[in-house]
């Protein structure tokens, strides 16, 4: 399993926009410089996030990107889905049949059950973590995550 660059950088851009206190938001150039990414790549990522309704652009020469809704109502799962970061999709099996038209395990697949359960577990966690949580420092975010995990274990 790997986290793609698009997911990592897109989430980092969302955190930057969430932390921004300027009502005009952050420009593509500001995001590019802050994250050490090309302007074109930042433009691609902000486009994906804007299309999914997570950020809005402010008009004008000094415009930038702001959250489309309150940080507490944007989950990490929303953000990852917008960036194409879903771990497992049931369509995955259709494209991994090897040289055959259908996967040899398409009827009874223990591996699909594993991947499905992993996705459900990730969704359960990531639906509870919001962009507001990500405004905290690393230690505090770890505490939020730990509380969520401990709470779901009860």
N, C-alpha and C. Protein backbone atom coordinates (compact mmCIF):
# COMPACT_ATOMS: atom_id res chain seq x y z
N UNK A 1 0.84 -1.17 0.00
CA UNK A 1 0.00 0.00 0.00
C UNK A 1 0.89 1.24 0.00
N UNK A 2 0.49 2.18 -0.82
CA UNK A 2 1.22 3.44 -0.87
C UNK A 2 0.24 4.59 -0.88
N UNK A 3 0.63 5.65 -0.24
CA UNK A 3 -0.11 6.90 -0.32
C UNK A 3 0.48 7.65 -1.50
N UNK A 4 -0.36 8.04 -2.44
CA UNK A 4 0.14 8.72 -3.64
C UNK A 4 0.58 10.14 -3.31
N UNK A 5 1.42 10.67 -4.17
CA UNK A 5 1.87 12.05 -4.02
C UNK A 5 0.66 12.99 -4.10
N UNK A 6 -0.27 12.68 -4.99
CA UNK A 6 -1.45 13.53 -5.15
C UNK A 6 -2.25 13.62 -3.85
N UNK A 7 -2.42 12.49 -3.17
CA UNK A 7 -3.14 12.48 -1.90
C UNK A 7 -2.36 13.26 -0.82
N UNK A 8 -1.08 12.99 -0.71
CA UNK A 8 -0.25 13.67 0.30
C UNK A 8 -0.25 15.18 0.08
N UNK A 9 0.09 15.60 -1.12
CA UNK A 9 0.18 17.04 -1.39
C UNK A 9 -1.18 17.72 -1.36
N UNK A 10 -2.20 17.04 -1.84
CA UNK A 10 -3.54 17.61 -1.80
C UNK A 10 -4.02 17.82 -0.38
N UNK A 11 -3.74 16.85 0.49
CA UNK A 11 -4.12 16.99 1.90
C UNK A 11 -3.32 18.11 2.55
N UNK A 12 -2.05 18.22 2.22
CA UNK A 12 -1.23 19.30 2.78
C UNK A 12 -1.75 20.67 2.33
N UNK A 13 -2.20 20.78 1.09
CA UNK A 13 -2.78 22.02 0.60
C UNK A 13 -4.06 22.34 1.35
N UNK A 14 -4.88 21.31 1.59
CA UNK A 14 -6.11 21.53 2.36
C UNK A 14 -5.80 22.02 3.77
N UNK A 15 -4.78 21.47 4.40
CA UNK A 15 -4.40 21.91 5.75
C UNK A 15 -3.95 23.36 5.70
N UNK A 16 -3.15 23.73 4.72
CA UNK A 16 -2.70 25.13 4.58
C UNK A 16 -3.88 26.07 4.42
N UNK A 17 -4.82 25.70 3.55
CA UNK A 17 -5.99 26.54 3.31
C UNK A 17 -6.83 26.63 4.59
N UNK A 18 -6.97 25.52 5.30
CA UNK A 18 -7.73 25.51 6.54
C UNK A 18 -7.11 26.44 7.58
N UNK A 19 -5.81 26.45 7.67
CA UNK A 19 -5.11 27.28 8.66
C UNK A 19 -5.05 28.76 8.28
N UNK A 20 -5.33 29.08 7.05
CA UNK A 20 -5.23 30.47 6.57
C UNK A 20 -6.29 31.35 7.23
N UNK A 21 -5.86 32.47 7.76
CA UNK A 21 -6.79 33.38 8.42
C UNK A 21 -7.18 34.57 7.52
N UNK A 22 -6.53 34.71 6.39
CA UNK A 22 -6.85 35.78 5.44
C UNK A 22 -8.12 35.42 4.69
N UNK A 23 -9.12 36.29 4.73
CA UNK A 23 -10.41 35.99 4.09
C UNK A 23 -10.28 35.84 2.57
N UNK A 24 -9.20 36.34 1.98
CA UNK A 24 -8.97 36.18 0.54
C UNK A 24 -8.38 34.81 0.23
N UNK A 25 -7.91 34.12 1.25
CA UNK A 25 -7.35 32.79 1.07
C UNK A 25 -5.90 32.81 0.62
N UNK A 26 -5.47 31.69 0.09
CA UNK A 26 -4.10 31.54 -0.38
C UNK A 26 -4.10 31.34 -1.89
N UNK A 27 -3.20 32.02 -2.56
CA UNK A 27 -3.10 31.89 -4.02
C UNK A 27 -2.34 30.62 -4.38
N UNK A 28 -2.45 30.25 -5.64
CA UNK A 28 -1.70 29.09 -6.12
C UNK A 28 -0.21 29.33 -5.91
N UNK A 29 0.26 30.54 -6.18
CA UNK A 29 1.68 30.85 -5.99
C UNK A 29 2.08 30.69 -4.52
N UNK A 30 1.27 31.18 -3.60
CA UNK A 30 1.57 31.06 -2.16
C UNK A 30 1.60 29.59 -1.74
N UNK A 31 0.63 28.81 -2.21
CA UNK A 31 0.60 27.38 -1.89
C UNK A 31 1.81 26.67 -2.48
N UNK A 32 2.17 27.04 -3.70
CA UNK A 32 3.32 26.45 -4.37
C UNK A 32 4.61 26.69 -3.58
N UNK A 33 4.80 27.93 -3.17
CA UNK A 33 6.00 28.28 -2.41
C UNK A 33 6.00 27.62 -1.04
N UNK A 34 4.86 27.59 -0.37
CA UNK A 34 4.78 27.03 0.98
C UNK A 34 5.04 25.53 0.99
N UNK A 35 4.61 24.83 -0.05
CA UNK A 35 4.75 23.38 -0.09
C UNK A 35 5.89 22.88 -0.97
N UNK A 36 6.55 23.79 -1.68
CA UNK A 36 7.65 23.39 -2.54
C UNK A 36 7.19 22.57 -3.74
N UNK A 37 6.05 22.96 -4.29
CA UNK A 37 5.46 22.26 -5.44
C UNK A 37 5.38 23.20 -6.63
N UNK A 38 5.33 22.66 -7.82
CA UNK A 38 5.20 23.50 -9.00
C UNK A 38 3.83 24.17 -9.03
N UNK A 39 3.76 25.32 -9.64
CA UNK A 39 2.50 26.04 -9.77
C UNK A 39 1.48 25.19 -10.52
N UNK A 40 1.92 24.50 -11.56
CA UNK A 40 1.00 23.66 -12.34
C UNK A 40 0.41 22.53 -11.50
N UNK A 41 1.23 21.93 -10.66
CA UNK A 41 0.75 20.83 -9.83
C UNK A 41 -0.25 21.33 -8.78
N UNK A 42 0.05 22.48 -8.18
CA UNK A 42 -0.87 23.06 -7.21
C UNK A 42 -2.19 23.42 -7.90
N UNK A 43 -2.11 23.94 -9.11
CA UNK A 43 -3.32 24.28 -9.87
C UNK A 43 -4.16 23.03 -10.12
N UNK A 44 -3.51 21.93 -10.43
CA UNK A 44 -4.23 20.66 -10.66
C UNK A 44 -4.92 20.21 -9.38
N UNK A 45 -4.22 20.26 -8.26
CA UNK A 45 -4.77 19.80 -7.00
C UNK A 45 -5.92 20.70 -6.53
N UNK A 46 -5.75 22.00 -6.64
CA UNK A 46 -6.81 22.91 -6.22
C UNK A 46 -8.04 22.75 -7.12
N UNK A 47 -7.82 22.45 -8.39
CA UNK A 47 -8.94 22.21 -9.31
C UNK A 47 -9.75 21.00 -8.84
N UNK A 48 -9.07 19.90 -8.50
CA UNK A 48 -9.75 18.70 -8.01
C UNK A 48 -10.56 19.01 -6.75
N UNK A 49 -9.97 19.73 -5.83
CA UNK A 49 -10.63 20.07 -4.57
C UNK A 49 -11.81 21.02 -4.78
N UNK A 50 -11.66 21.93 -5.74
CA UNK A 50 -12.74 22.88 -6.04
C UNK A 50 -13.91 22.17 -6.72
N UNK A 51 -13.61 21.29 -7.66
CA UNK A 51 -14.67 20.54 -8.36
C UNK A 51 -15.50 19.72 -7.39
N UNK A 52 -14.87 19.16 -6.37
CA UNK A 52 -15.57 18.35 -5.37
C UNK A 52 -16.24 19.19 -4.28
N UNK A 53 -16.15 20.52 -4.41
CA UNK A 53 -16.86 21.40 -3.48
C UNK A 53 -16.21 21.58 -2.13
N UNK A 54 -14.91 21.31 -2.03
CA UNK A 54 -14.22 21.45 -0.74
C UNK A 54 -13.60 22.83 -0.56
N UNK A 55 -13.21 23.47 -1.67
CA UNK A 55 -12.65 24.81 -1.61
C UNK A 55 -13.33 25.68 -2.67
N UNK A 56 -13.26 26.98 -2.44
CA UNK A 56 -13.74 27.97 -3.40
C UNK A 56 -12.61 28.91 -3.74
N UNK A 57 -12.67 29.48 -4.91
CA UNK A 57 -11.67 30.48 -5.27
C UNK A 57 -12.28 31.86 -5.09
N UNK A 58 -11.45 32.78 -4.60
CA UNK A 58 -11.88 34.16 -4.48
C UNK A 58 -11.37 34.90 -5.71
N UNK A 59 -12.17 35.77 -6.23
CA UNK A 59 -11.85 36.46 -7.49
C UNK A 59 -10.83 37.57 -7.31
N UNK A 60 -10.26 37.93 -8.43
CA UNK A 60 -9.41 39.11 -8.46
C UNK A 60 -7.94 38.82 -8.44
N UNK A 61 -7.19 39.86 -8.67
CA UNK A 61 -5.73 39.79 -8.73
C UNK A 61 -5.13 39.25 -7.43
N UNK A 62 -5.74 39.59 -6.32
CA UNK A 62 -5.22 39.15 -5.03
C UNK A 62 -6.02 37.97 -4.46
N UNK A 63 -6.81 37.34 -5.30
CA UNK A 63 -7.66 36.23 -4.86
C UNK A 63 -6.87 34.98 -4.54
N UNK A 64 -7.56 34.05 -3.94
CA UNK A 64 -6.94 32.78 -3.58
C UNK A 64 -7.99 31.74 -3.31
N UNK A 65 -7.63 30.73 -2.55
CA UNK A 65 -8.54 29.63 -2.24
C UNK A 65 -8.87 29.62 -0.76
N UNK A 66 -10.16 29.39 -0.48
CA UNK A 66 -10.67 29.30 0.88
C UNK A 66 -11.53 28.04 0.97
N UNK A 67 -11.80 27.59 2.18
CA UNK A 67 -12.67 26.44 2.36
C UNK A 67 -14.08 26.79 1.89
N UNK A 68 -14.75 25.83 1.29
CA UNK A 68 -16.11 26.03 0.80
C UNK A 68 -17.14 25.91 1.91
N UNK A 69 -16.75 25.29 3.01
CA UNK A 69 -17.65 25.14 4.15
C UNK A 69 -16.79 25.09 5.42
N UNK A 70 -17.40 25.12 6.58
CA UNK A 70 -16.60 25.12 7.82
C UNK A 70 -15.68 23.90 7.92
N UNK A 71 -14.50 24.13 8.46
CA UNK A 71 -13.49 23.07 8.59
C UNK A 71 -14.02 21.86 9.35
N UNK A 72 -14.90 22.08 10.31
CA UNK A 72 -15.44 20.99 11.10
C UNK A 72 -16.41 20.11 10.31
N UNK A 73 -16.84 20.59 9.15
CA UNK A 73 -17.77 19.79 8.35
C UNK A 73 -17.11 19.13 7.15
N UNK A 74 -15.81 19.30 7.00
CA UNK A 74 -15.06 18.63 5.92
C UNK A 74 -14.24 17.52 6.54
N UNK A 75 -14.57 16.29 6.20
CA UNK A 75 -13.82 15.16 6.76
C UNK A 75 -12.57 14.88 5.93
N UNK A 76 -11.65 14.19 6.54
CA UNK A 76 -10.46 13.76 5.82
C UNK A 76 -10.87 12.79 4.70
N UNK A 77 -11.87 11.99 4.97
CA UNK A 77 -12.35 11.06 3.95
C UNK A 77 -12.87 11.81 2.73
N UNK A 78 -13.61 12.91 2.94
CA UNK A 78 -14.07 13.74 1.82
C UNK A 78 -12.89 14.19 0.98
N UNK A 79 -11.87 14.66 1.65
CA UNK A 79 -10.69 15.19 0.98
C UNK A 79 -9.96 14.09 0.21
N UNK A 80 -9.75 12.95 0.83
CA UNK A 80 -9.04 11.86 0.17
C UNK A 80 -9.81 11.35 -1.04
N UNK A 81 -11.11 11.25 -0.92
CA UNK A 81 -11.93 10.82 -2.06
C UNK A 81 -11.83 11.80 -3.21
N UNK A 82 -11.79 13.09 -2.90
CA UNK A 82 -11.66 14.11 -3.94
C UNK A 82 -10.34 13.99 -4.68
N UNK A 83 -9.33 13.53 -3.97
CA UNK A 83 -7.99 13.41 -4.54
C UNK A 83 -7.72 12.03 -5.14
N UNK A 84 -8.72 11.16 -5.09
CA UNK A 84 -8.56 9.82 -5.65
C UNK A 84 -7.87 8.86 -4.72
N UNK A 85 -7.95 9.10 -3.42
CA UNK A 85 -7.20 8.33 -2.46
C UNK A 85 -7.91 7.19 -1.78
N UNK A 86 -8.95 6.67 -2.37
CA UNK A 86 -9.65 5.54 -1.76
C UNK A 86 -8.75 4.31 -1.82
N UNK A 87 -8.65 3.62 -0.72
CA UNK A 87 -7.79 2.43 -0.65
C UNK A 87 -8.30 1.31 -1.55
N UNK A 88 -9.59 0.97 -1.45
CA UNK A 88 -10.13 -0.15 -2.20
C UNK A 88 -11.51 0.19 -2.73
N UNK A 89 -11.72 -0.08 -3.98
CA UNK A 89 -13.01 0.09 -4.63
C UNK A 89 -13.38 -1.26 -5.24
N UNK A 90 -14.62 -1.63 -5.14
CA UNK A 90 -15.04 -2.94 -5.66
C UNK A 90 -14.77 -3.09 -7.14
N UNK A 91 -14.67 -1.99 -7.87
CA UNK A 91 -14.34 -2.04 -9.30
C UNK A 91 -12.91 -2.53 -9.52
N UNK A 92 -12.11 -2.49 -8.48
CA UNK A 92 -10.72 -2.93 -8.55
C UNK A 92 -10.64 -4.34 -9.12
N UNK A 93 -11.51 -5.21 -8.67
CA UNK A 93 -11.48 -6.61 -9.09
C UNK A 93 -11.71 -6.77 -10.59
N UNK A 94 -12.53 -5.89 -11.15
CA UNK A 94 -12.81 -5.97 -12.59
C UNK A 94 -11.56 -5.73 -13.43
N UNK A 95 -10.65 -4.92 -12.92
CA UNK A 95 -9.46 -4.59 -13.71
C UNK A 95 -8.24 -5.42 -13.33
N UNK A 96 -8.42 -6.42 -12.47
CA UNK A 96 -7.30 -7.26 -12.06
C UNK A 96 -7.64 -8.75 -12.20
N UNK A 97 -8.08 -9.10 -13.38
CA UNK A 97 -8.45 -10.49 -13.66
C UNK A 97 -7.31 -11.27 -14.30
N UNK A 98 -6.16 -10.65 -14.40
CA UNK A 98 -5.06 -11.31 -15.07
C UNK A 98 -5.32 -11.33 -16.57
N UNK A 99 -4.99 -12.45 -17.22
CA UNK A 99 -5.19 -12.54 -18.66
C UNK A 99 -6.58 -13.06 -19.02
N UNK A 100 -7.40 -13.34 -18.01
CA UNK A 100 -8.74 -13.85 -18.23
C UNK A 100 -9.76 -12.72 -18.26
N UNK A 101 -10.93 -13.02 -18.79
CA UNK A 101 -12.00 -12.02 -18.83
C UNK A 101 -12.53 -11.73 -17.42
N UNK A 102 -12.61 -12.76 -16.59
CA UNK A 102 -13.06 -12.62 -15.20
C UNK A 102 -12.02 -13.19 -14.26
N UNK A 103 -11.93 -12.62 -13.10
CA UNK A 103 -11.01 -13.11 -12.08
C UNK A 103 -11.41 -14.53 -11.68
N UNK A 104 -10.45 -15.36 -11.48
CA UNK A 104 -10.72 -16.74 -11.08
C UNK A 104 -11.36 -16.81 -9.69
N UNK A 105 -11.27 -15.72 -8.95
CA UNK A 105 -11.84 -15.66 -7.60
C UNK A 105 -13.07 -14.76 -7.53
N UNK A 106 -13.70 -14.49 -8.65
CA UNK A 106 -14.79 -13.52 -8.66
C UNK A 106 -16.01 -13.97 -7.88
N UNK A 107 -16.19 -15.27 -7.68
CA UNK A 107 -17.36 -15.76 -6.95
C UNK A 107 -17.09 -15.86 -5.45
N UNK A 108 -15.95 -16.35 -5.07
CA UNK A 108 -15.65 -16.58 -3.66
C UNK A 108 -14.22 -16.10 -3.38
N UNK A 109 -14.10 -14.85 -2.92
CA UNK A 109 -12.77 -14.25 -2.79
C UNK A 109 -12.52 -13.77 -1.37
N UNK A 110 -11.64 -14.48 -0.69
CA UNK A 110 -11.29 -14.09 0.68
C UNK A 110 -10.46 -12.81 0.68
N UNK A 111 -9.72 -12.56 -0.38
CA UNK A 111 -8.89 -11.35 -0.46
C UNK A 111 -9.78 -10.12 -0.58
N UNK A 112 -10.83 -10.21 -1.41
CA UNK A 112 -11.76 -9.09 -1.55
C UNK A 112 -12.39 -8.75 -0.20
N UNK A 113 -12.70 -9.77 0.58
CA UNK A 113 -13.24 -9.54 1.92
C UNK A 113 -12.26 -8.76 2.79
N UNK A 114 -10.98 -9.12 2.71
CA UNK A 114 -9.95 -8.42 3.47
C UNK A 114 -9.88 -6.96 3.06
N UNK A 115 -9.76 -6.68 1.76
CA UNK A 115 -9.65 -5.31 1.27
C UNK A 115 -10.91 -4.51 1.61
N UNK A 116 -12.07 -5.13 1.48
CA UNK A 116 -13.32 -4.44 1.81
C UNK A 116 -13.38 -4.06 3.28
N UNK A 117 -12.95 -4.96 4.15
CA UNK A 117 -12.96 -4.67 5.58
C UNK A 117 -11.94 -3.59 5.93
N UNK A 118 -10.80 -3.63 5.28
CA UNK A 118 -9.80 -2.58 5.52
C UNK A 118 -10.35 -1.22 5.10
N UNK A 119 -11.04 -1.17 3.94
CA UNK A 119 -11.63 0.10 3.49
C UNK A 119 -12.69 0.57 4.46
N UNK A 120 -13.53 -0.34 4.93
CA UNK A 120 -14.59 0.03 5.88
C UNK A 120 -13.99 0.58 7.17
N UNK A 121 -12.90 -0.02 7.63
CA UNK A 121 -12.24 0.43 8.85
C UNK A 121 -11.62 1.82 8.65
N UNK A 122 -10.97 2.00 7.51
CA UNK A 122 -10.41 3.32 7.20
C UNK A 122 -11.50 4.38 7.11
N UNK A 123 -12.59 4.04 6.42
CA UNK A 123 -13.71 4.98 6.29
C UNK A 123 -14.25 5.38 7.66
N UNK A 124 -14.37 4.42 8.54
CA UNK A 124 -14.90 4.67 9.88
C UNK A 124 -14.04 5.70 10.62
N UNK A 125 -12.74 5.57 10.50
CA UNK A 125 -11.82 6.52 11.13
C UNK A 125 -11.83 7.85 10.40
N UNK A 126 -11.64 7.82 9.09
CA UNK A 126 -11.47 9.05 8.32
C UNK A 126 -12.73 9.89 8.22
N UNK A 127 -13.89 9.27 8.44
CA UNK A 127 -15.15 10.03 8.48
C UNK A 127 -15.30 10.81 9.78
N UNK A 128 -14.50 10.48 10.78
CA UNK A 128 -14.59 11.15 12.09
C UNK A 128 -13.53 12.24 12.25
N UNK A 129 -12.53 12.26 11.40
CA UNK A 129 -11.47 13.27 11.49
C UNK A 129 -11.79 14.38 10.50
N UNK A 130 -11.79 15.62 11.00
CA UNK A 130 -12.15 16.75 10.15
C UNK A 130 -10.93 17.65 9.89
N UNK A 131 -11.11 18.56 8.96
CA UNK A 131 -10.05 19.53 8.70
C UNK A 131 -9.81 20.40 9.94
N UNK A 132 -10.84 20.63 10.74
CA UNK A 132 -10.66 21.38 11.99
C UNK A 132 -9.69 20.65 12.91
N UNK A 133 -9.77 19.33 12.94
CA UNK A 133 -8.84 18.54 13.76
C UNK A 133 -7.40 18.71 13.26
N UNK A 134 -7.25 18.86 11.95
CA UNK A 134 -5.92 18.94 11.35
C UNK A 134 -5.25 20.29 11.58
N UNK A 135 -5.95 21.24 12.14
CA UNK A 135 -5.36 22.54 12.47
C UNK A 135 -4.49 22.45 13.71
N UNK A 136 -4.62 21.37 14.45
CA UNK A 136 -3.87 21.18 15.68
C UNK A 136 -2.44 20.75 15.38
N UNK A 137 -1.60 20.74 16.40
CA UNK A 137 -0.23 20.27 16.20
C UNK A 137 -0.21 18.74 16.16
N UNK A 138 0.92 18.19 15.80
CA UNK A 138 1.04 16.74 15.60
C UNK A 138 0.64 15.94 16.83
N UNK A 139 1.10 16.38 17.99
CA UNK A 139 0.79 15.66 19.23
C UNK A 139 -0.72 15.66 19.50
N UNK A 140 -1.35 16.81 19.32
CA UNK A 140 -2.79 16.90 19.57
C UNK A 140 -3.61 16.10 18.55
N UNK A 141 -3.16 16.10 17.30
CA UNK A 141 -3.85 15.29 16.29
C UNK A 141 -3.73 13.81 16.64
N UNK A 142 -2.56 13.41 17.12
CA UNK A 142 -2.39 12.02 17.56
C UNK A 142 -3.37 11.68 18.67
N UNK A 143 -3.57 12.63 19.59
CA UNK A 143 -4.53 12.42 20.67
C UNK A 143 -5.95 12.28 20.15
N UNK A 144 -6.33 13.11 19.17
CA UNK A 144 -7.66 13.02 18.56
C UNK A 144 -7.84 11.64 17.94
N UNK A 145 -6.86 11.21 17.18
CA UNK A 145 -6.93 9.90 16.52
C UNK A 145 -7.01 8.77 17.54
N UNK A 146 -6.22 8.87 18.59
CA UNK A 146 -6.24 7.85 19.63
C UNK A 146 -7.62 7.79 20.30
N UNK A 147 -8.20 8.93 20.58
CA UNK A 147 -9.54 8.97 21.18
C UNK A 147 -10.58 8.34 20.27
N UNK A 148 -10.47 8.60 18.98
CA UNK A 148 -11.41 8.00 18.03
C UNK A 148 -11.26 6.48 18.02
N UNK A 149 -10.02 6.02 17.98
CA UNK A 149 -9.77 4.57 17.94
C UNK A 149 -10.24 3.90 19.23
N UNK A 150 -9.92 4.51 20.35
CA UNK A 150 -10.35 3.94 21.63
C UNK A 150 -11.87 3.97 21.78
N UNK A 151 -12.49 5.03 21.29
CA UNK A 151 -13.93 5.15 21.36
C UNK A 151 -14.66 4.13 20.51
N UNK A 152 -14.07 3.79 19.36
CA UNK A 152 -14.72 2.80 18.49
C UNK A 152 -14.47 1.37 18.96
N UNK A 153 -13.46 1.20 19.83
CA UNK A 153 -13.18 -0.13 20.35
C UNK A 153 -14.11 -0.51 21.48
N UNK A 154 -14.80 0.47 22.03
CA UNK A 154 -15.69 0.22 23.18
C UNK A 154 -17.04 -0.25 22.74
